[in-house]
PDB file of all heavy atoms in Angstrom:
ATOM      1  N   MET A   1       0.841  -1.200   0.018  1.00  0.00           N
ATOM      2  CA  MET A   1      -0.058   0.018  -0.043  1.00  0.00           C
ATOM      3  C   MET A   1       0.812   1.235  -0.026  1.00  0.00           C
ATOM      4  O   MET A   1       2.037   1.150   0.368  1.00  0.00           O
ATOM      5  CB  MET A   1      -0.891   0.015   1.236  1.00  0.00           C
ATOM      6  CG  MET A   1      -0.271   0.352   2.569  1.00  0.00           C
ATOM      7  SD  MET A   1      -1.354   0.804   3.899  1.00  0.00           S
ATOM      8  CE  MET A   1      -1.924   2.428   3.434  1.00  0.00           C
ATOM      9  N   HIS A   2       0.324   2.335  -0.508  1.00  0.00           N
ATOM     10  CA  HIS A   2       1.032   3.614  -0.458  1.00  0.00           C
ATOM     11  C   HIS A   2       0.669   4.209   0.904  1.00  0.00           C
ATOM     12  O   HIS A   2      -0.281   4.986   1.077  1.00  0.00           O
ATOM     13  CB  HIS A   2       0.588   4.598  -1.673  1.00  0.00           C
ATOM     14  CG  HIS A   2       1.316   4.308  -2.817  1.00  0.00           C
ATOM     15  ND1 HIS A   2       2.607   4.608  -2.980  1.00  0.00           N
ATOM     16  CD2 HIS A   2       0.931   3.802  -4.049  1.00  0.00           C
ATOM     17  CE1 HIS A   2       3.110   4.309  -4.149  1.00  0.00           C
ATOM     18  NE2 HIS A   2       2.179   3.829  -4.821  1.00  0.00           N
ATOM     19  N   ALA A   3       1.537   3.894   1.915  1.00  0.00           N
ATOM     20  CA  ALA A   3       1.426   4.370   3.253  1.00  0.00           C
ATOM     21  C   ALA A   3       2.264   5.507   3.606  1.00  0.00           C
ATOM     22  O   ALA A   3       2.546   5.860   4.805  1.00  0.00           O
ATOM     23  CB  ALA A   3       1.491   3.221   4.179  1.00  0.00           C
ATOM     24  N   CYS A   4       2.925   6.203   2.565  1.00  0.00           N
ATOM     25  CA  CYS A   4       3.847   7.239   2.847  1.00  0.00           C
ATOM     26  C   CYS A   4       3.747   8.427   1.842  1.00  0.00           C
ATOM     27  O   CYS A   4       4.450   9.413   1.955  1.00  0.00           O
ATOM     28  CB  CYS A   4       5.230   6.675   2.853  1.00  0.00           C
ATOM     29  SG  CYS A   4       6.374   7.809   3.654  1.00  0.00           S
ATOM     30  N   GLY A   5       2.703   8.404   0.993  1.00  0.00           N
ATOM     31  CA  GLY A   5       2.412   9.441   0.043  1.00  0.00           C
ATOM     32  C   GLY A   5       3.242   9.396  -1.252  1.00  0.00           C
ATOM     33  O   GLY A   5       3.196  10.427  -1.959  1.00  0.00           O
ATOM     34  N   HIS A   6       3.893   8.421  -1.529  1.00  0.00           N
ATOM     35  CA  HIS A   6       4.790   8.417  -2.801  1.00  0.00           C
ATOM     36  C   HIS A   6       3.903   8.307  -3.977  1.00  0.00           C
ATOM     37  O   HIS A   6       4.366   8.784  -5.070  1.00  0.00           O
ATOM     38  CB  HIS A   6       5.788   7.191  -2.759  1.00  0.00           C
ATOM     39  CG  HIS A   6       6.697   7.170  -1.564  1.00  0.00           C
ATOM     40  ND1 HIS A   6       7.785   6.288  -1.468  1.00  0.00           N
ATOM     41  CD2 HIS A   6       6.782   8.060  -0.490  1.00  0.00           C
ATOM     42  CE1 HIS A   6       8.399   6.488  -0.455  1.00  0.00           C
ATOM     43  NE2 HIS A   6       7.827   7.580   0.288  1.00  0.00           N
ATOM     44  N   ASP A   7       2.613   7.847  -3.925  1.00  0.00           N
ATOM     45  CA  ASP A   7       1.759   7.991  -5.068  1.00  0.00           C
ATOM     46  C   ASP A   7       1.507   9.459  -5.331  1.00  0.00           C
ATOM     47  O   ASP A   7       1.494   9.904  -6.535  1.00  0.00           O
ATOM     48  CB  ASP A   7       0.436   7.264  -4.792  1.00  0.00           C
ATOM     49  CG  ASP A   7      -0.112   7.618  -3.506  1.00  0.00           C
ATOM     50  OD1 ASP A   7       0.470   8.186  -2.639  1.00  0.00           O
ATOM     51  OD2 ASP A   7      -1.402   7.329  -3.281  1.00  0.00           O
ATOM     52  N   GLY A   8       1.310  10.280  -4.317  1.00  0.00           N
ATOM     53  CA  GLY A   8       1.241  11.800  -4.482  1.00  0.00           C
ATOM     54  C   GLY A   8       2.452  12.394  -4.997  1.00  0.00           C
ATOM     55  O   GLY A   8       2.396  13.281  -5.791  1.00  0.00           O
ATOM     56  N   HIS A   9       3.660  11.956  -4.555  1.00  0.00           N
ATOM     57  CA  HIS A   9       4.895  12.478  -5.084  1.00  0.00           C
ATOM     58  C   HIS A   9       5.066  12.276  -6.506  1.00  0.00           C
ATOM     59  O   HIS A   9       5.405  13.132  -7.251  1.00  0.00           O
ATOM     60  CB  HIS A   9       6.142  11.788  -4.360  1.00  0.00           C
ATOM     61  CG  HIS A   9       6.069  11.965  -2.825  1.00  0.00           C
ATOM     62  ND1 HIS A   9       6.951  11.267  -2.069  1.00  0.00           N
ATOM     63  CD2 HIS A   9       5.296  12.668  -1.997  1.00  0.00           C
ATOM     64  CE1 HIS A   9       6.706  11.655  -0.769  1.00  0.00           C
ATOM     65  NE2 HIS A   9       5.661  12.466  -0.710  1.00  0.00           N
ATOM     66  N   THR A  10       4.821  11.013  -6.983  1.00  0.00           N
ATOM     67  CA  THR A  10       4.921  10.748  -8.384  1.00  0.00           C
ATOM     68  C   THR A  10       3.876  11.554  -9.210  1.00  0.00           C
ATOM     69  O   THR A  10       4.289  12.094 -10.261  1.00  0.00           O
ATOM     70  CB  THR A  10       4.546   9.210  -8.622  1.00  0.00           C
ATOM     71  OG1 THR A  10       5.474   8.371  -7.776  1.00  0.00           O
ATOM     72  CG2 THR A  10       4.808   8.787 -10.059  1.00  0.00           C
ATOM     73  N   ALA A  11       2.786  11.736  -8.676  1.00  0.00           N
ATOM     74  CA  ALA A  11       1.710  12.569  -9.368  1.00  0.00           C
ATOM     75  C   ALA A  11       2.192  13.984  -9.531  1.00  0.00           C
ATOM     76  O   ALA A  11       1.991  14.626 -10.499  1.00  0.00           O
ATOM     77  CB  ALA A  11       0.371  12.502  -8.713  1.00  0.00           C
ATOM     78  N   ILE A  12       2.851  14.479  -8.406  1.00  0.00           N
ATOM     79  CA  ILE A  12       3.455  15.885  -8.434  1.00  0.00           C
ATOM     80  C   ILE A  12       4.485  15.958  -9.580  1.00  0.00           C
ATOM     81  O   ILE A  12       4.566  17.011 -10.303  1.00  0.00           O
ATOM     82  CB  ILE A  12       3.963  16.306  -7.080  1.00  0.00           C
ATOM     83  CG1 ILE A  12       2.821  16.539  -6.070  1.00  0.00           C
ATOM     84  CG2 ILE A  12       4.793  17.505  -7.129  1.00  0.00           C
ATOM     85  CD1 ILE A  12       3.152  16.768  -4.666  1.00  0.00           C
ATOM     86  N   GLY A  13       5.360  14.959  -9.581  1.00  0.00           N
ATOM     87  CA  GLY A  13       6.520  14.991 -10.568  1.00  0.00           C
ATOM     88  C   GLY A  13       5.912  15.126 -12.032  1.00  0.00           C
ATOM     89  O   GLY A  13       6.380  15.887 -12.840  1.00  0.00           O
ATOM     90  N   LEU A  14       4.834  14.228 -12.245  1.00  0.00           N
ATOM     91  CA  LEU A  14       4.251  14.336 -13.670  1.00  0.00           C
ATOM     92  C   LEU A  14       3.415  15.650 -13.840  1.00  0.00           C
ATOM     93  O   LEU A  14       3.522  16.221 -14.936  1.00  0.00           O
ATOM     94  CB  LEU A  14       3.279  13.045 -13.766  1.00  0.00           C
ATOM     95  CG  LEU A  14       2.542  12.980 -15.077  1.00  0.00           C
ATOM     96  CD1 LEU A  14       3.598  12.813 -16.148  1.00  0.00           C
ATOM     97  CD2 LEU A  14       1.637  11.833 -15.077  1.00  0.00           C
ATOM     98  N   GLY A  15       2.907  16.104 -12.723  1.00  0.00           N
ATOM     99  CA  GLY A  15       2.130  17.430 -12.752  1.00  0.00           C
ATOM    100  C   GLY A  15       3.008  18.591 -13.139  1.00  0.00           C
ATOM    101  O   GLY A  15       2.632  19.554 -13.720  1.00  0.00           O
ATOM    102  N   VAL A  16       4.282  18.513 -12.527  1.00  0.00           N
ATOM    103  CA  VAL A  16       5.189  19.678 -12.868  1.00  0.00           C
ATOM    104  C   VAL A  16       5.497  19.672 -14.333  1.00  0.00           C
ATOM    105  O   VAL A  16       5.503  20.776 -15.008  1.00  0.00           O
ATOM    106  CB  VAL A  16       6.476  19.430 -12.034  1.00  0.00           C
ATOM    107  CG1 VAL A  16       7.579  20.424 -12.578  1.00  0.00           C
ATOM    108  CG2 VAL A  16       6.236  19.649 -10.598  1.00  0.00           C
ATOM    109  N   ALA A  17       5.616  18.507 -14.971  1.00  0.00           N
ATOM    110  CA  ALA A  17       5.870  18.379 -16.443  1.00  0.00           C
ATOM    111  C   ALA A  17       4.665  18.997 -17.129  1.00  0.00           C
ATOM    112  O   ALA A  17       4.848  19.781 -18.115  1.00  0.00           O
ATOM    113  CB  ALA A  17       6.148  17.048 -16.893  1.00  0.00           C
ATOM    114  N   ARG A  18       3.525  18.675 -16.766  1.00  0.00           N
ATOM    115  CA  ARG A  18       2.266  19.119 -17.362  1.00  0.00           C
ATOM    116  C   ARG A  18       2.130  20.698 -17.226  1.00  0.00           C
ATOM    117  O   ARG A  18       1.885  21.475 -18.166  1.00  0.00           O
ATOM    118  CB  ARG A  18       0.982  18.561 -16.788  1.00  0.00           C
ATOM    119  CG  ARG A  18       0.849  17.039 -17.126  1.00  0.00           C
ATOM    120  CD  ARG A  18      -0.523  16.521 -16.529  1.00  0.00           C
ATOM    121  NE  ARG A  18      -0.710  15.142 -16.762  1.00  0.00           N
ATOM    122  CZ  ARG A  18      -1.817  14.520 -16.535  1.00  0.00           C
ATOM    123  NH1 ARG A  18      -2.794  15.191 -15.899  1.00  0.00           N
ATOM    124  NH2 ARG A  18      -1.905  13.282 -16.706  1.00  0.00           N
ATOM    125  N   GLU A  19       2.405  21.232 -16.028  1.00  0.00           N
ATOM    126  CA  GLU A  19       2.262  22.603 -15.768  1.00  0.00           C
ATOM    127  C   GLU A  19       3.310  23.511 -16.549  1.00  0.00           C
ATOM    128  O   GLU A  19       2.996  24.506 -17.120  1.00  0.00           O
ATOM    129  CB  GLU A  19       2.471  22.868 -14.296  1.00  0.00           C
ATOM    130  CG  GLU A  19       1.820  24.128 -13.792  1.00  0.00           C
ATOM    131  CD  GLU A  19       2.605  25.434 -13.987  1.00  0.00           C
ATOM    132  OE1 GLU A  19       3.849  25.253 -14.306  1.00  0.00           O
ATOM    133  OE2 GLU A  19       2.221  26.442 -13.910  1.00  0.00           O
ATOM    134  N   LEU A  20       4.523  23.001 -16.633  1.00  0.00           N
ATOM    135  CA  LEU A  20       5.550  23.798 -17.409  1.00  0.00           C
ATOM    136  C   LEU A  20       5.148  23.712 -18.845  1.00  0.00           C
ATOM    137  O   LEU A  20       5.351  24.766 -19.498  1.00  0.00           O
ATOM    138  CB  LEU A  20       6.949  23.197 -17.085  1.00  0.00           C
ATOM    139  CG  LEU A  20       7.487  23.464 -15.699  1.00  0.00           C
ATOM    140  CD1 LEU A  20       8.763  22.707 -15.493  1.00  0.00           C
ATOM    141  CD2 LEU A  20       7.586  24.848 -15.413  1.00  0.00           C
ATOM    142  N   ASP A  21       4.791  22.621 -19.390  1.00  0.00           N
ATOM    143  CA  ASP A  21       4.408  22.588 -20.793  1.00  0.00           C
ATOM    144  C   ASP A  21       3.165  23.530 -21.170  1.00  0.00           C
ATOM    145  O   ASP A  21       3.201  24.169 -22.181  1.00  0.00           O
ATOM    146  CB  ASP A  21       3.974  21.157 -21.225  1.00  0.00           C
ATOM    147  CG  ASP A  21       5.211  20.339 -21.440  1.00  0.00           C
ATOM    148  OD1 ASP A  21       6.355  20.817 -21.374  1.00  0.00           O
ATOM    149  OD2 ASP A  21       5.028  19.109 -21.823  1.00  0.00           O
ATOM    150  N   ARG A  22       2.225  23.508 -20.174  1.00  0.00           N
ATOM    151  CA  ARG A  22       0.970  24.382 -20.396  1.00  0.00           C
ATOM    152  C   ARG A  22       1.307  25.813 -20.244  1.00  0.00           C
ATOM    153  O   ARG A  22       0.655  26.649 -20.942  1.00  0.00           O
ATOM    154  CB  ARG A  22      -0.095  23.829 -19.348  1.00  0.00           C
ATOM    155  CG  ARG A  22      -1.415  24.602 -19.512  1.00  0.00           C
ATOM    156  CD  ARG A  22      -2.497  23.835 -18.589  1.00  0.00           C
ATOM    157  NE  ARG A  22      -2.057  23.894 -17.137  1.00  0.00           N
ATOM    158  CZ  ARG A  22      -1.729  22.862 -16.435  1.00  0.00           C
ATOM    159  NH1 ARG A  22      -1.743  21.643 -16.995  1.00  0.00           N
ATOM    160  NH2 ARG A  22      -1.436  22.967 -15.147  1.00  0.00           N
ATOM    161  N   ASN A  23       2.221  26.216 -19.440  1.00  0.00           N
ATOM    162  CA  ASN A  23       2.427  27.638 -19.061  1.00  0.00           C
ATOM    163  C   ASN A  23       3.715  28.138 -19.471  1.00  0.00           C
ATOM    164  O   ASN A  23       4.249  29.047 -18.912  1.00  0.00           O
ATOM    165  CB  ASN A  23       2.127  27.855 -17.668  1.00  0.00           C
ATOM    166  CG  ASN A  23       0.682  27.652 -17.267  1.00  0.00           C
ATOM    167  OD1 ASN A  23      -0.235  28.102 -17.941  1.00  0.00           O
ATOM    168  ND2 ASN A  23       0.520  26.959 -16.119  1.00  0.00           N
ATOM    169  N   GLY A  24       4.221  27.647 -20.681  1.00  0.00           N
ATOM    170  CA  GLY A  24       5.450  28.240 -21.212  1.00  0.00           C
ATOM    171  C   GLY A  24       6.829  27.833 -20.746  1.00  0.00           C
ATOM    172  O   GLY A  24       7.795  28.355 -21.166  1.00  0.00           O
ATOM    173  N   GLY A  25       6.834  26.838 -19.804  1.00  0.00           N
ATOM    174  CA  GLY A  25       8.074  26.357 -19.366  1.00  0.00           C
ATOM    175  C   GLY A  25       8.937  27.387 -18.696  1.00  0.00           C
ATOM    176  O   GLY A  25       8.545  28.235 -17.992  1.00  0.00           O
ATOM    177  N   PHE A  26      10.312  27.275 -19.014  1.00  0.00           N
ATOM    178  CA  PHE A  26      11.271  28.273 -18.430  1.00  0.00           C
ATOM    179  C   PHE A  26      12.436  28.271 -19.347  1.00  0.00           C
ATOM    180  O   PHE A  26      12.533  27.488 -20.329  1.00  0.00           O
ATOM    181  CB  PHE A  26      11.555  27.843 -16.915  1.00  0.00           C
ATOM    182  CG  PHE A  26      12.296  26.541 -16.858  1.00  0.00           C
ATOM    183  CD1 PHE A  26      13.665  26.452 -16.676  1.00  0.00           C
ATOM    184  CD2 PHE A  26      11.655  25.308 -17.042  1.00  0.00           C
ATOM    185  CE1 PHE A  26      14.335  25.245 -16.500  1.00  0.00           C
ATOM    186  CE2 PHE A  26      12.258  24.179 -16.936  1.00  0.00           C
ATOM    187  CZ  PHE A  26      13.592  24.070 -16.741  1.00  0.00           C
ATOM    188  N   ASP A  27      13.511  28.923 -19.005  1.00  0.00           N
ATOM    189  CA  ASP A  27      14.730  28.908 -19.830  1.00  0.00           C
ATOM    190  C   ASP A  27      15.788  28.050 -19.097  1.00  0.00           C
ATOM    191  O   ASP A  27      16.497  28.477 -18.277  1.00  0.00           O
ATOM    192  CB  ASP A  27      15.301  30.332 -20.003  1.00  0.00           C
ATOM    193  CG  ASP A  27      16.518  30.385 -20.984  1.00  0.00           C
ATOM    194  OD1 ASP A  27      16.642  29.365 -21.702  1.00  0.00           O
ATOM    195  OD2 ASP A  27      17.253  31.412 -20.804  1.00  0.00           O
TER     196      ASP A  27
END
């Protein structure tokens, strides 16, 4: 079971990629 939040961590990692792609990334 995910008893330490790593499912949420993985989701955040993927979410960062989505957010940067959606809002122009960075240099």
